[in-house]
Amino acid sequence: MLKKIILVGLMMLGLNSTVSSQGNLPYVDDKLIHFGFSLGINTMNFGVTNVSDSASARVSTLKPGFSVGIISDLRLNRYLNLRFNPTLHFGERQLNYYPRNGNDSLAITSIPISLPIYLKYSSERKGNYRPYLICGGGLSIDLATNKDNPVLLQPIDFFTEFGVGCDIYFSFFKLSPELKYTLGFNNMLVPLDQRDSGQISADKQRFSTVISKLTSRMLTLTFNFE
């Protein structure tokens, strides 16, 4: 009986040493489906196309915002995962106008909820680290569209997104710092002739008339907990 107990103990020690050599959570990536959440910071920007060079607008000051999201992950194979990551972003863009005439700037608040689908390609795991690339795209809906703002934005945009990250394995969870860049496809500017311009005074209409196109840009640093 004593021999059997010693033998079982040695087998358990051997199994434990094998698992420890693989790092923390050695089988977590074998799950077919898992979930998590993300917290992060963002900076929103515009790609600006001006009507002429004599008067122009551009975003010259980037302001930090906040992002929070939910992660759903489907394992496709050893290296590929399909992810759905609905995220709510809080941010602001400031358009500065040139030539300057006093304080010619305009703040535009945005609260877009993005609905992206990603492909995540991971490298081989090394200890408790596994770098990866991520790319995808989706739809975003801005919840903060303000019809009284001299520059009115379309509420819906389509975008593509790509980035890099690294899975870091801890004893009870996986943390993944992730840096992504977002490029919007739509012209987000609503021209004055397509809105009730009577709500905007004549001196403020110039904030919109000097611009012919606005496309969304965003850089996001998130921390995923899975």
Protein backbone atom coordinates (compact mmCIF):
# COMPACT_ATOMS: atom_id res chain seq x y z
CA MET A 1 0.00 0.00 0.00
CA LEU A 2 2.84 2.37 0.92
CA LYS A 3 4.52 1.67 -2.40
CA LYS A 4 1.32 2.57 -4.27
CA ILE A 5 0.98 5.87 -2.38
CA ILE A 6 4.62 6.76 -3.12
CA LEU A 7 4.16 5.84 -6.80
CA VAL A 8 1.00 7.99 -7.12
CA GLY A 9 2.78 10.86 -5.35
CA LEU A 10 5.73 10.68 -7.74
CA MET A 11 3.36 10.65 -10.74
CA MET A 12 1.55 13.75 -9.43
CA LEU A 13 4.86 15.54 -8.86
CA GLY A 14 5.92 14.70 -12.40
CA LEU A 15 2.61 15.96 -13.84
CA ASN A 16 2.87 19.15 -11.78
CA SER A 17 6.40 19.84 -12.98
CA THR A 18 5.28 19.33 -16.61
CA VAL A 19 2.42 21.81 -16.19
CA SER A 20 4.68 24.33 -14.42
CA SER A 21 7.22 24.16 -17.23
CA GLN A 22 4.47 25.23 -19.64
CA GLY A 23 3.75 28.36 -17.58
CA ASN A 24 0.50 29.57 -16.06
CA LEU A 25 -2.89 28.42 -17.42
CA PRO A 26 -1.36 25.86 -19.83
CA TYR A 27 -4.71 24.78 -21.34
CA VAL A 28 -6.60 28.08 -21.42
CA ASP A 29 -6.08 28.54 -25.18
CA ASP A 30 -7.65 25.14 -25.93
CA LYS A 31 -11.14 26.36 -24.99
CA LEU A 32 -13.53 26.51 -27.93
CA ILE A 33 -15.31 29.64 -26.61
CA HIS A 34 -14.36 32.07 -23.86
CA PHE A 35 -15.31 35.56 -22.74
CA GLY A 36 -13.72 38.61 -21.16
CA PHE A 37 -13.77 42.39 -20.97
CA SER A 38 -11.52 45.27 -22.00
CA LEU A 39 -10.61 48.66 -20.52
CA GLY A 40 -8.53 51.25 -22.32
CA ILE A 41 -7.73 54.76 -23.44
CA ASN A 42 -8.17 56.28 -26.89
CA THR A 43 -7.33 59.35 -28.92
CA MET A 44 -9.81 60.31 -31.65
CA ASN A 45 -8.78 62.14 -34.80
CA PHE A 46 -10.15 63.22 -38.17
CA GLY A 47 -8.84 62.88 -41.68
CA VAL A 48 -9.77 66.37 -42.94
CA THR A 49 -10.27 67.37 -46.58
CA ASN A 50 -10.64 71.14 -46.94
CA VAL A 51 -12.47 73.00 -49.68
CA SER A 52 -9.48 75.27 -50.41
CA ASP A 53 -6.05 76.22 -49.09
CA SER A 54 -7.05 79.76 -48.23
CA ALA A 55 -9.09 78.62 -45.22
CA SER A 56 -8.57 75.23 -43.62
CA ALA A 57 -9.30 73.12 -40.56
CA ARG A 58 -7.30 70.37 -38.91
CA VAL A 59 -7.03 68.48 -35.64
CA SER A 60 -3.82 69.70 -34.05
CA THR A 61 -4.54 68.66 -30.45
CA LEU A 62 -5.25 65.03 -29.51
CA LYS A 63 -7.26 64.52 -26.34
CA PRO A 64 -7.36 61.27 -24.35
CA GLY A 65 -10.63 59.36 -24.01
CA PHE A 66 -11.86 56.17 -22.37
CA SER A 67 -12.98 52.82 -23.81
CA VAL A 68 -14.77 49.82 -22.27
CA GLY A 69 -15.82 46.64 -24.05
CA ILE A 70 -16.89 42.99 -23.88
CA ILE A 71 -14.96 40.15 -25.54
CA SER A 72 -16.34 36.95 -27.10
CA ASP A 73 -13.69 34.62 -28.56
CA LEU A 74 -14.08 31.54 -30.78
CA ARG A 75 -11.05 29.26 -31.32
CA LEU A 76 -10.67 28.34 -35.00
CA ASN A 77 -7.35 26.48 -34.75
CA ARG A 78 -4.06 26.60 -32.86
CA TYR A 79 -3.12 30.02 -34.23
CA LEU A 80 -6.40 31.69 -35.29
CA ASN A 81 -9.29 33.03 -33.23
CA LEU A 82 -12.47 34.84 -34.30
CA ARG A 83 -13.44 37.64 -31.91
CA PHE A 84 -16.44 39.90 -31.41
CA ASN A 85 -15.59 42.92 -29.26
CA PRO A 86 -18.44 45.49 -28.87
CA THR A 87 -16.85 48.58 -27.30
CA LEU A 88 -18.12 51.92 -26.05
CA HIS A 89 -15.71 54.83 -26.58
CA PHE A 90 -15.83 58.26 -24.94
CA GLY A 91 -13.76 60.96 -26.63
CA GLU A 92 -13.47 64.41 -28.13
CA ARG A 93 -11.89 65.96 -31.21
CA GLN A 94 -10.91 69.62 -31.47
CA LEU A 95 -10.89 71.23 -34.89
CA ASN A 96 -8.63 74.29 -35.23
CA TYR A 97 -9.22 76.72 -38.09
CA TYR A 98 -6.64 78.67 -40.10
CA PRO A 99 -5.91 81.49 -40.68
CA ARG A 100 -6.58 82.10 -36.99
CA ASN A 101 -9.04 84.82 -36.08
CA GLY A 102 -9.03 84.83 -32.31
CA ASN A 103 -9.91 81.46 -30.76
CA ASP A 104 -11.06 79.68 -33.92
CA SER A 105 -11.51 76.15 -32.60
CA LEU A 106 -14.44 73.79 -32.25
CA ALA A 107 -14.81 70.81 -29.89
CA ILE A 108 -16.77 67.78 -31.12
CA THR A 109 -17.74 65.19 -28.51
CA SER A 110 -18.25 61.60 -29.67
CA ILE A 111 -19.54 58.50 -27.88
CA PRO A 112 -19.39 55.80 -30.56
CA ILE A 113 -20.28 52.21 -29.84
CA SER A 114 -18.24 50.04 -32.19
CA LEU A 115 -19.26 46.52 -33.26
CA PRO A 116 -16.14 44.93 -34.75
CA ILE A 117 -15.28 41.36 -35.74
CA TYR A 118 -11.59 40.45 -35.66
CA LEU A 119 -9.27 37.70 -36.76
CA LYS A 120 -6.53 37.17 -34.17
CA TYR A 121 -3.34 35.45 -35.34
CA SER A 122 -1.13 34.30 -32.45
CA SER A 123 2.48 33.14 -32.49
CA GLU A 124 3.79 30.15 -30.55
CA ARG A 125 3.57 30.62 -26.81
CA LYS A 126 6.87 31.22 -25.00
CA GLY A 127 6.46 30.66 -21.27
CA ASN A 128 3.83 33.12 -20.08
CA TYR A 129 3.90 35.34 -23.19
CA ARG A 130 2.26 35.02 -26.62
CA PRO A 131 2.39 37.95 -29.09
CA TYR A 132 -0.32 38.30 -31.70
CA LEU A 133 -1.64 40.38 -34.61
CA ILE A 134 -5.27 41.41 -34.93
CA CYS A 135 -7.29 42.83 -37.82
CA GLY A 136 -10.92 43.26 -38.74
CA GLY A 137 -13.66 45.81 -39.12
CA GLY A 138 -17.25 46.62 -38.44
CA LEU A 139 -19.89 49.24 -37.76
CA SER A 140 -19.91 52.14 -35.29
CA ILE A 141 -22.86 54.22 -34.07
CA ASP A 142 -22.23 57.62 -32.47
CA LEU A 143 -24.55 58.19 -29.50
CA ALA A 144 -23.52 61.84 -29.05
CA THR A 145 -24.58 63.43 -32.34
CA ASN A 146 -25.37 67.07 -31.61
CA LYS A 147 -27.59 68.83 -34.16
CA ASP A 148 -26.75 72.23 -32.64
CA ASN A 149 -23.02 71.85 -33.32
CA PRO A 150 -21.80 73.89 -36.33
CA VAL A 151 -20.10 70.71 -37.58
CA LEU A 152 -22.64 67.88 -37.58
CA LEU A 153 -21.43 64.28 -37.92
CA GLN A 154 -23.21 61.32 -39.47
CA PRO A 155 -24.16 58.86 -36.70
CA ILE A 156 -23.10 55.68 -38.55
CA ASP A 157 -19.66 54.75 -39.87
CA PHE A 158 -17.96 51.64 -41.25
CA PHE A 159 -14.34 51.04 -40.37
CA THR A 160 -11.34 48.74 -40.55
CA GLU A 161 -9.01 48.16 -37.63
CA PHE A 162 -5.64 46.49 -37.12
CA GLY A 163 -3.16 46.19 -34.30
CA VAL A 164 -0.75 44.19 -32.18
CA GLY A 165 -0.88 42.74 -28.70
CA CYS A 166 0.58 40.20 -26.32
CA ASP A 167 -1.17 37.63 -24.13
CA ILE A 168 0.38 37.53 -20.64
CA TYR A 169 -0.62 34.48 -18.58
CA PHE A 170 -1.16 34.84 -14.85
CA SER A 171 -2.26 32.19 -12.36
CA PHE A 172 -6.00 32.91 -12.65
CA PHE A 173 -6.48 35.08 -15.75
CA LYS A 174 -4.91 36.26 -18.99
CA LEU A 175 -4.03 39.95 -19.49
CA SER A 176 -3.49 41.28 -23.01
CA PRO A 177 -2.20 44.81 -23.68
CA GLU A 178 -3.38 45.66 -27.22
CA LEU A 179 -2.71 48.66 -29.48
CA LYS A 180 -5.13 49.22 -32.40
CA TYR A 181 -5.56 51.83 -35.14
CA THR A 182 -8.97 52.51 -36.65
CA LEU A 183 -9.69 53.93 -40.12
CA GLY A 184 -13.23 55.02 -40.99
CA PHE A 185 -14.58 54.73 -44.55
CA ASN A 186 -17.52 57.17 -44.59
CA ASN A 187 -17.56 60.92 -45.01
CA MET A 188 -18.86 61.84 -41.56
CA LEU A 189 -19.62 65.49 -42.37
CA VAL A 190 -23.27 66.45 -42.90
CA PRO A 191 -23.28 69.41 -45.36
CA LEU A 192 -25.23 72.51 -44.38
CA ASP A 193 -27.66 72.06 -47.30
CA GLN A 194 -28.67 68.67 -45.84
CA ARG A 195 -29.56 69.96 -42.38
CA ASP A 196 -31.52 72.77 -40.76
CA SER A 197 -28.85 75.45 -41.10
CA GLY A 198 -31.23 78.01 -39.60
CA GLN A 199 -30.25 76.70 -36.17
CA ILE A 200 -26.69 77.92 -36.78
CA SER A 201 -25.76 81.59 -36.86
CA ALA A 202 -24.14 82.94 -40.03
CA ASP A 203 -20.77 83.52 -38.36
CA LYS A 204 -20.62 79.87 -37.24
CA GLN A 205 -21.61 78.34 -40.57
CA ARG A 206 -18.04 78.88 -41.79
CA PHE A 207 -16.91 76.10 -39.41
CA SER A 208 -18.64 73.65 -41.72
CA THR A 209 -18.36 75.32 -45.14
CA VAL A 210 -14.54 75.24 -45.27
CA ILE A 211 -14.59 71.41 -44.98
CA SER A 212 -15.59 69.00 -47.73
CA LYS A 213 -14.85 65.67 -46.01
CA LEU A 214 -14.22 64.25 -42.52
CA THR A 215 -13.16 60.63 -41.96
CA SER A 216 -12.75 59.04 -38.54
CA ARG A 217 -9.40 58.01 -37.10
CA MET A 218 -8.71 56.53 -33.68
CA LEU A 219 -5.77 55.04 -31.78
CA THR A 220 -6.73 52.77 -28.87
CA LEU A 221 -4.65 51.13 -26.14
CA THR A 222 -6.72 48.50 -24.35
CA PHE A 223 -6.08 45.97 -21.61
CA ASN A 224 -8.04 42.77 -22.19
CA PHE A 225 -8.91 40.51 -19.26
CA GLU A 226 -9.85 36.96 -20.26
